[in-house]
């Protein structure tokens, strides 16, 4: 299905590193034009230059903090203005802070604002355009959104919310031809975790847990669907349940 994405337009949040960066590389390699959004403009620009040089696609660098409603609206509007359409949206921006229920109020609100509000703002702004194209909306969820996470219940709660929200959007927009998929990884070797203790890319050796490219492959597979929809994809490391 390598030709399915040729010429299509994708917007990826949290695109500056990790799963987001791997995703824009994968989508561009399959011929999609890509709008890259995150807070770190310099990294987005470097990545966009790489995509244009290596794959000959068109890009848009759209720096924004998903916690800011007006910024998210502008990113979506700028994407549609730049490319004339919007076929794929990957809701990837998210973070984890602290642990337990004794986290600070600032940590709590930052996680809620990013993981919950950011996903809502992105969906609300993008959905009318995806209805026009009968496009695909892909959410990056988590193992923590399906199973108890005793050492970080607030982060887990944001991912449980994301799954519930995504599947309810799926039910609401399915009649309009919009496909909605939730992709749930376990640990991925990215910068995630640096805010708490140690980044997963430093904590785990290559091959020990999931790589960002594996998640990007799953996201691209979901984005390629044009009739039926993969409602949910779980990508768990093979030994994840060994201690249960």
C-alpha atoms as a PDB file:
ATOM      1  CA  UNK A   1       0.000   0.000   0.000  1.00  0.00           C
ATOM      2  CA  UNK A   2       3.025   2.248  -0.445  1.00  0.00           C
ATOM      3  CA  UNK A   3       1.231   4.444  -2.986  1.00  0.00           C
ATOM      4  CA  UNK A   4      -1.812   5.066  -0.807  1.00  0.00           C
ATOM      5  CA  UNK A   5      -0.296   8.169   0.810  1.00  0.00           C
ATOM      6  CA  UNK A   6       1.224   9.766  -2.290  1.00  0.00           C
ATOM      7  CA  UNK A   7       0.086  13.383  -2.524  1.00  0.00           C
ATOM      8  CA  UNK A   8      -2.008  13.246   0.632  1.00  0.00           C
ATOM      9  CA  UNK A   9      -1.622  15.892   3.331  1.00  0.00           C
ATOM     10  CA  UNK A  10      -0.817  14.967   6.928  1.00  0.00           C
ATOM     11  CA  UNK A  11      -0.540  17.041  10.092  1.00  0.00           C
ATOM     12  CA  UNK A  12       1.477  15.584  12.968  1.00  0.00           C
ATOM     13  CA  UNK A  13       1.634  17.137  16.445  1.00  0.00           C
ATOM     14  CA  UNK A  14       4.621  16.524  18.673  1.00  0.00           C
ATOM     15  CA  UNK A  15       6.627  16.122  15.484  1.00  0.00           C
ATOM     16  CA  UNK A  16      10.017  17.359  16.663  1.00  0.00           C
ATOM     17  CA  UNK A  17      11.277  14.089  18.152  1.00  0.00           C
ATOM     18  CA  UNK A  18      10.495  10.485  19.040  1.00  0.00           C
ATOM     19  CA  UNK A  19       7.321   8.969  17.647  1.00  0.00           C
ATOM     20  CA  UNK A  20       6.333  12.218  15.958  1.00  0.00           C
ATOM     21  CA  UNK A  21       9.629  12.586  14.093  1.00  0.00           C
ATOM     22  CA  UNK A  22       9.592   8.926  13.065  1.00  0.00           C
ATOM     23  CA  UNK A  23       6.015   9.365  11.847  1.00  0.00           C
ATOM     24  CA  UNK A  24       6.682  12.353   9.614  1.00  0.00           C
ATOM     25  CA  UNK A  25       9.661  10.509   8.137  1.00  0.00           C
ATOM     26  CA  UNK A  26       7.502   7.458   7.431  1.00  0.00           C
ATOM     27  CA  UNK A  27       4.634   9.451   5.920  1.00  0.00           C
ATOM     28  CA  UNK A  28       7.004  11.494   3.764  1.00  0.00           C
ATOM     29  CA  UNK A  29       8.772   8.340   2.592  1.00  0.00           C
ATOM     30  CA  UNK A  30       5.395   7.133   1.345  1.00  0.00           C
ATOM     31  CA  UNK A  31       4.817  10.378  -0.543  1.00  0.00           C
ATOM     32  CA  UNK A  32       2.656  12.407   1.835  1.00  0.00           C
ATOM     33  CA  UNK A  33       3.089  16.158   2.202  1.00  0.00           C
ATOM     34  CA  UNK A  34       3.514  16.933   5.879  1.00  0.00           C
ATOM     35  CA  UNK A  35       2.762  19.761   8.304  1.00  0.00           C
ATOM     36  CA  UNK A  36       5.023  19.441  11.340  1.00  0.00           C
ATOM     37  CA  UNK A  37       3.917  20.948  14.630  1.00  0.00           C
ATOM     38  CA  UNK A  38       5.613  21.087  18.039  1.00  0.00           C
ATOM     39  CA  UNK A  39       7.119  23.705  20.323  1.00  0.00           C
ATOM     40  CA  UNK A  40      10.739  23.444  19.103  1.00  0.00           C
ATOM     41  CA  UNK A  41      10.774  25.345  15.811  1.00  0.00           C
ATOM     42  CA  UNK A  42      14.472  24.798  15.079  1.00  0.00           C
ATOM     43  CA  UNK A  43      14.118  21.020  15.246  1.00  0.00           C
ATOM     44  CA  UNK A  44      11.005  21.133  13.089  1.00  0.00           C
ATOM     45  CA  UNK A  45      12.819  23.184  10.461  1.00  0.00           C
ATOM     46  CA  UNK A  46      15.758  20.777  10.358  1.00  0.00           C
ATOM     47  CA  UNK A  47      13.409  17.831   9.998  1.00  0.00           C
ATOM     48  CA  UNK A  48      11.336  19.527   7.293  1.00  0.00           C
ATOM     49  CA  UNK A  49      14.492  20.250   5.290  1.00  0.00           C
ATOM     50  CA  UNK A  50      15.446  16.579   5.605  1.00  0.00           C
ATOM     51  CA  UNK A  51      12.035  15.415   4.349  1.00  0.00           C
ATOM     52  CA  UNK A  52      12.053  17.746   1.355  1.00  0.00           C
ATOM     53  CA  UNK A  53      15.602  16.782   0.393  1.00  0.00           C
ATOM     54  CA  UNK A  54      15.258  13.038   0.819  1.00  0.00           C
ATOM     55  CA  UNK A  55      11.687  12.491  -0.348  1.00  0.00           C
ATOM     56  CA  UNK A  56      10.797  15.468  -2.519  1.00  0.00           C
ATOM     57  CA  UNK A  57       7.622  16.212  -0.599  1.00  0.00           C
ATOM     58  CA  UNK A  58       6.249  19.568   0.478  1.00  0.00           C
ATOM     59  CA  UNK A  59       6.298  20.515   4.142  1.00  0.00           C
ATOM     60  CA  UNK A  60       4.987  23.173   6.483  1.00  0.00           C
ATOM     61  CA  UNK A  61       6.690  24.066   9.756  1.00  0.00           C
ATOM     62  CA  UNK A  62       3.949  25.086  12.170  1.00  0.00           C
ATOM     63  CA  UNK A  63       5.348  25.614  15.681  1.00  0.00           C
ATOM     64  CA  UNK A  64       2.736  25.616  18.421  1.00  0.00           C
ATOM     65  CA  UNK A  65       1.984  24.523  21.958  1.00  0.00           C
ATOM     66  CA  UNK A  66      -1.094  22.279  21.835  1.00  0.00           C
ATOM     67  CA  UNK A  67      -2.169  23.678  25.207  1.00  0.00           C
ATOM     68  CA  UNK A  68      -2.976  26.971  23.470  1.00  0.00           C
ATOM     69  CA  UNK A  69      -6.357  26.792  21.758  1.00  0.00           C
ATOM     70  CA  UNK A  70      -5.720  29.657  19.339  1.00  0.00           C
ATOM     71  CA  UNK A  71      -2.317  28.250  18.355  1.00  0.00           C
ATOM     72  CA  UNK A  72      -3.832  24.880  17.472  1.00  0.00           C
ATOM     73  CA  UNK A  73      -6.565  26.543  15.429  1.00  0.00           C
ATOM     74  CA  UNK A  74      -3.899  28.483  13.534  1.00  0.00           C
ATOM     75  CA  UNK A  75      -1.857  25.352  12.816  1.00  0.00           C
ATOM     76  CA  UNK A  76      -4.823  23.607  11.238  1.00  0.00           C
ATOM     77  CA  UNK A  77      -5.884  26.703   9.312  1.00  0.00           C
ATOM     78  CA  UNK A  78      -2.337  27.279   8.062  1.00  0.00           C
ATOM     79  CA  UNK A  79      -2.070  23.654   6.949  1.00  0.00           C
ATOM     80  CA  UNK A  80      -5.262  23.849   4.922  1.00  0.00           C
ATOM     81  CA  UNK A  81      -4.243  27.204   3.469  1.00  0.00           C
ATOM     82  CA  UNK A  82      -0.819  25.866   2.492  1.00  0.00           C
ATOM     83  CA  UNK A  83      -1.957  22.597   0.924  1.00  0.00           C
ATOM     84  CA  UNK A  84      -5.622  23.186   0.150  1.00  0.00           C
ATOM     85  CA  UNK A  85      -6.772  20.108   2.004  1.00  0.00           C
ATOM     86  CA  UNK A  86      -6.175  17.874   5.031  1.00  0.00           C
ATOM     87  CA  UNK A  87      -6.306  14.079   4.814  1.00  0.00           C
ATOM     88  CA  UNK A  88      -4.512  12.765   7.904  1.00  0.00           C
ATOM     89  CA  UNK A  89      -4.094  14.094  11.426  1.00  0.00           C
ATOM     90  CA  UNK A  90      -1.850  12.376  13.966  1.00  0.00           C
ATOM     91  CA  UNK A  91      -2.574  13.487  17.531  1.00  0.00           C
ATOM     92  CA  UNK A  92       0.757  12.631  19.097  1.00  0.00           C
ATOM     93  CA  UNK A  93       1.803  15.491  21.409  1.00  0.00           C
ATOM     94  CA  UNK A  94       1.879  14.358  25.022  1.00  0.00           C
ATOM     95  CA  UNK A  95       4.035  14.078  28.124  1.00  0.00           C
ATOM     96  CA  UNK A  96       4.355  12.441  31.504  1.00  0.00           C
ATOM     97  CA  UNK A  97       5.389  14.216  34.707  1.00  0.00           C
ATOM     98  CA  UNK A  98       5.874  13.160  38.310  1.00  0.00           C
ATOM     99  CA  UNK A  99       4.533   9.975  39.859  1.00  0.00           C
ATOM    100  CA  UNK A 100       1.833   8.888  42.268  1.00  0.00           C
ATOM    101  CA  UNK A 101      -0.984  11.178  43.340  1.00  0.00           C
ATOM    102  CA  UNK A 102       1.323  13.479  45.281  1.00  0.00           C
ATOM    103  CA  UNK A 103       2.494  15.321  42.184  1.00  0.00           C
ATOM    104  CA  UNK A 104       2.372  19.086  42.203  1.00  0.00           C
ATOM    105  CA  UNK A 105      -0.646  20.949  40.934  1.00  0.00           C
ATOM    106  CA  UNK A 106       1.538  22.402  38.188  1.00  0.00           C
ATOM    107  CA  UNK A 107       2.555  18.909  37.018  1.00  0.00           C
ATOM    108  CA  UNK A 108      -1.057  17.763  37.141  1.00  0.00           C
ATOM    109  CA  UNK A 109      -2.332  20.687  35.104  1.00  0.00           C
ATOM    110  CA  UNK A 110       0.510  20.464  32.586  1.00  0.00           C
ATOM    111  CA  UNK A 111      -0.318  16.818  31.855  1.00  0.00           C
ATOM    112  CA  UNK A 112      -4.040  17.493  31.646  1.00  0.00           C
ATOM    113  CA  UNK A 113      -3.583  20.582  29.491  1.00  0.00           C
ATOM    114  CA  UNK A 114      -1.248  18.800  27.081  1.00  0.00           C
ATOM    115  CA  UNK A 115      -2.595  15.264  26.876  1.00  0.00           C
ATOM    116  CA  UNK A 116      -6.297  16.044  27.196  1.00  0.00           C
ATOM    117  CA  UNK A 117      -6.921  19.645  26.132  1.00  0.00           C
ATOM    118  CA  UNK A 118      -4.339  19.450  23.357  1.00  0.00           C
ATOM    119  CA  UNK A 119      -5.994  16.372  21.883  1.00  0.00           C
ATOM    120  CA  UNK A 120      -9.413  18.010  22.109  1.00  0.00           C
ATOM    121  CA  UNK A 121      -8.292  21.287  20.508  1.00  0.00           C
ATOM    122  CA  UNK A 122      -6.567  19.432  17.661  1.00  0.00           C
ATOM    123  CA  UNK A 123      -9.549  17.201  17.014  1.00  0.00           C
ATOM    124  CA  UNK A 124     -12.062  20.030  17.103  1.00  0.00           C
ATOM    125  CA  UNK A 125     -10.071  22.124  14.645  1.00  0.00           C
ATOM    126  CA  UNK A 126      -9.247  19.281  12.253  1.00  0.00           C
ATOM    127  CA  UNK A 127     -12.466  17.281  12.146  1.00  0.00           C
ATOM    128  CA  UNK A 128     -14.425  19.526   9.725  1.00  0.00           C
ATOM    129  CA  UNK A 129     -11.602  19.209   7.197  1.00  0.00           C
ATOM    130  CA  UNK A 130     -11.323  15.449   7.660  1.00  0.00           C
ATOM    131  CA  UNK A 131     -15.043  15.151   7.038  1.00  0.00           C
ATOM    132  CA  UNK A 132     -14.523  16.882   3.692  1.00  0.00           C
ATOM    133  CA  UNK A 133     -11.791  14.454   2.647  1.00  0.00           C
ATOM    134  CA  UNK A 134     -13.106  11.355   4.456  1.00  0.00           C
ATOM    135  CA  UNK A 135      -9.693  11.282   6.045  1.00  0.00           C
ATOM    136  CA  UNK A 136      -8.029   9.534   8.946  1.00  0.00           C
ATOM    137  CA  UNK A 137      -7.525  10.680  12.522  1.00  0.00           C
ATOM    138  CA  UNK A 138      -4.877   8.748  14.440  1.00  0.00           C
ATOM    139  CA  UNK A 139      -4.310   9.114  18.180  1.00  0.00           C
ATOM    140  CA  UNK A 140      -1.160   7.971  19.950  1.00  0.00           C
ATOM    141  CA  UNK A 141      -2.466   6.357  23.105  1.00  0.00           C
ATOM    142  CA  UNK A 142      -0.597   4.127  25.525  1.00  0.00           C
ATOM    143  CA  UNK A 143      -0.500   0.802  27.321  1.00  0.00           C
ATOM    144  CA  UNK A 144      -1.233   3.014  30.333  1.00  0.00           C
ATOM    145  CA  UNK A 145      -4.614   3.834  28.809  1.00  0.00           C
ATOM    146  CA  UNK A 146      -5.700   0.198  28.913  1.00  0.00           C
ATOM    147  CA  UNK A 147      -4.193  -1.194  32.119  1.00  0.00           C
ATOM    148  CA  UNK A 148      -3.631   0.181  35.638  1.00  0.00           C
ATOM    149  CA  UNK A 149      -0.472   2.250  36.059  1.00  0.00           C
ATOM    150  CA  UNK A 150       0.065   2.465  39.822  1.00  0.00           C
ATOM    151  CA  UNK A 151       3.175   4.637  39.693  1.00  0.00           C
ATOM    152  CA  UNK A 152       1.610   7.404  37.586  1.00  0.00           C
ATOM    153  CA  UNK A 153      -2.182   7.351  37.789  1.00  0.00           C
ATOM    154  CA  UNK A 154      -2.634  10.874  36.445  1.00  0.00           C
ATOM    155  CA  UNK A 155      -0.725  10.149  33.247  1.00  0.00           C
ATOM    156  CA  UNK A 156      -2.689   6.908  32.907  1.00  0.00           C
ATOM    157  CA  UNK A 157      -5.954   8.782  33.385  1.00  0.00           C
ATOM    158  CA  UNK A 158      -5.103  11.144  30.524  1.00  0.00           C
ATOM    159  CA  UNK A 159      -4.564   8.156  28.231  1.00  0.00           C
ATOM    160  CA  UNK A 160      -7.763   6.443  29.370  1.00  0.00           C
ATOM    161  CA  UNK A 161      -9.532   9.720  28.574  1.00  0.00           C
ATOM    162  CA  UNK A 162      -7.858   9.839  25.167  1.00  0.00           C
ATOM    163  CA  UNK A 163      -9.067   6.352  24.240  1.00  0.00           C
ATOM    164  CA  UNK A 164     -12.610   7.086  25.376  1.00  0.00           C
ATOM    165  CA  UNK A 165     -12.646  10.375  23.518  1.00  0.00           C
ATOM    166  CA  UNK A 166     -11.150   8.891  20.350  1.00  0.00           C
ATOM    167  CA  UNK A 167     -13.609   6.015  20.129  1.00  0.00           C
ATOM    168  CA  UNK A 168     -16.520   8.342  20.799  1.00  0.00           C
ATOM    169  CA  UNK A 169     -15.291  10.602  17.982  1.00  0.00           C
ATOM    170  CA  UNK A 170     -15.038   7.455  15.878  1.00  0.00           C
ATOM    171  CA  UNK A 171     -18.697   6.745  16.548  1.00  0.00           C
ATOM    172  CA  UNK A 172     -19.732  10.317  15.834  1.00  0.00           C
ATOM    173  CA  UNK A 173     -17.724  10.797  12.635  1.00  0.00           C
ATOM    174  CA  UNK A 174     -17.910   7.345  11.107  1.00  0.00           C
ATOM    175  CA  UNK A 175     -21.077   8.131   9.152  1.00  0.00           C
ATOM    176  CA  UNK A 176     -19.159  10.998   7.540  1.00  0.00           C
ATOM    177  CA  UNK A 177     -16.437   8.648   6.329  1.00  0.00           C
ATOM    178  CA  UNK A 178     -13.784   9.636   8.868  1.00  0.00           C
ATOM    179  CA  UNK A 179     -11.549   6.822  10.091  1.00  0.00           C
ATOM    180  CA  UNK A 180     -10.326   6.971  13.696  1.00  0.00           C
ATOM    181  CA  UNK A 181      -7.548   4.797  15.085  1.00  0.00           C
ATOM    182  CA  UNK A 182      -5.863   4.617  18.483  1.00  0.00           C
ATOM    183  CA  UNK A 183      -2.299   3.277  18.544  1.00  0.00           C
ATOM    184  CA  UNK A 184      -1.177   2.063  21.968  1.00  0.00           C
ATOM    185  CA  UNK A 185       2.554   1.496  22.576  1.00  0.00           C
ATOM    186  CA  UNK A 186       4.284   0.239  25.689  1.00  0.00           C
ATOM    187  CA  UNK A 187       7.705   1.753  26.368  1.00  0.00           C
ATOM    188  CA  UNK A 188       9.254   3.385  23.290  1.00  0.00           C
ATOM    189  CA  UNK A 189      12.892   4.477  23.065  1.00  0.00           C
ATOM    190  CA  UNK A 190      12.303   8.237  22.903  1.00  0.00           C
ATOM    191  CA  UNK A 191      12.842  11.323  25.062  1.00  0.00           C
ATOM    192  CA  UNK A 192       9.743  10.340  27.052  1.00  0.00           C
ATOM    193  CA  UNK A 193      10.501   9.953  30.744  1.00  0.00           C
ATOM    194  CA  UNK A 194      13.213  12.614  30.867  1.00  0.00           C
ATOM    195  CA  UNK A 195      10.887  14.933  32.781  1.00  0.00           C
ATOM    196  CA  UNK A 196      10.347  12.277  35.456  1.00  0.00           C
ATOM    197  CA  UNK A 197      13.653  10.479  35.854  1.00  0.00           C
ATOM    198  CA  UNK A 198      15.494   9.202  32.773  1.00  0.00           C
ATOM    199  CA  UNK A 199      14.572   9.271  29.092  1.00  0.00           C
ATOM    200  CA  UNK A 200      13.493   5.899  27.718  1.00  0.00           C
ATOM    201  CA  UNK A 201      16.093   6.225  24.944  1.00  0.00           C
ATOM    202  CA  UNK A 202      18.770   6.233  27.652  1.00  0.00           C
ATOM    203  CA  UNK A 203      17.144   3.737  30.000  1.00  0.00           C
ATOM    204  CA  UNK A 204      16.667   0.982  27.422  1.00  0.00           C
ATOM    205  CA  UNK A 205      19.110  -0.556  24.972  1.00  0.00           C
ATOM    206  CA  UNK A 206      18.217  -0.820  21.259  1.00  0.00           C
ATOM    207  CA  UNK A 207      15.873  -3.755  20.767  1.00  0.00           C
ATOM    208  CA  UNK A 208      14.983  -3.974  24.457  1.00  0.00           C
ATOM    209  CA  UNK A 209      11.671  -2.152  24.007  1.00  0.00           C
ATOM    210  CA  UNK A 210       9.733  -0.724  21.071  1.00  0.00           C
ATOM    211  CA  UNK A 211      11.443   1.638  18.634  1.00  0.00           C
ATOM    212  CA  UNK A 212       9.756   4.842  17.367  1.00  0.00           C
ATOM    213  CA  UNK A 213       9.855   3.526  13.812  1.00  0.00           C
ATOM    214  CA  UNK A 214       7.642   0.583  14.789  1.00  0.00           C
ATOM    215  CA  UNK A 215       4.974   2.960  16.047  1.00  0.00           C
ATOM    216  CA  UNK A 216       5.360   5.092  12.927  1.00  0.00           C
ATOM    217  CA  UNK A 217       4.748   2.022  10.776  1.00  0.00           C
ATOM    218  CA  UNK A 218       1.511   1.353  12.675  1.00  0.00           C
ATOM    219  CA  UNK A 219       0.400   4.972  12.320  1.00  0.00           C
ATOM    220  CA  UNK A 220       1.092   4.917   8.581  1.00  0.00           C
ATOM    221  CA  UNK A 221      -0.843   1.661   8.227  1.00  0.00           C
ATOM    222  CA  UNK A 222      -3.824   3.259   9.940  1.00  0.00           C
ATOM    223  CA  UNK A 223      -3.516   6.393   7.812  1.00  0.00           C
ATOM    224  CA  UNK A 224      -3.546   4.350   4.598  1.00  0.00           C
ATOM    225  CA  UNK A 225      -7.005   2.920   5.211  1.00  0.00           C
ATOM    226  CA  UNK A 226      -9.613   4.268   2.797  1.00  0.00           C
ATOM    227  CA  UNK A 227     -12.639   2.067   3.455  1.00  0.00           C
ATOM    228  CA  UNK A 228     -12.584  -0.005   6.608  1.00  0.00           C
ATOM    229  CA  UNK A 229     -10.707   1.298   9.659  1.00  0.00           C
ATOM    230  CA  UNK A 230      -8.290  -0.240  12.104  1.00  0.00           C
ATOM    231  CA  UNK A 231      -9.997   0.947  15.260  1.00  0.00           C
ATOM    232  CA  UNK A 232      -7.161   0.183  17.657  1.00  0.00           C
ATOM    233  CA  UNK A 233      -3.615  -1.157  17.429  1.00  0.00           C
ATOM    234  CA  UNK A 234      -1.635  -2.358  20.452  1.00  0.00           C
ATOM    235  CA  UNK A 235       2.142  -2.535  20.046  1.00  0.00           C
ATOM    236  CA  UNK A 236       3.444  -4.035  23.273  1.00  0.00           C
ATOM    237  CA  UNK A 237       6.966  -5.290  23.920  1.00  0.00           C
ATOM    238  CA  UNK A 238       6.833  -9.059  23.937  1.00  0.00           C
ATOM    239  CA  UNK A 239       7.723  -9.530  27.597  1.00  0.00           C
ATOM    240  CA  UNK A 240       5.319  -6.864  28.879  1.00  0.00           C
ATOM    241  CA  UNK A 241       3.080  -9.319  30.727  1.00  0.00           C
ATOM    242  CA  UNK A 242       5.845 -11.556  32.108  1.00  0.00           C
ATOM    243  CA  UNK A 243       5.623 -10.096  35.612  1.00  0.00           C
ATOM    244  CA  UNK A 244       1.837 -10.222  35.843  1.00  0.00           C
END
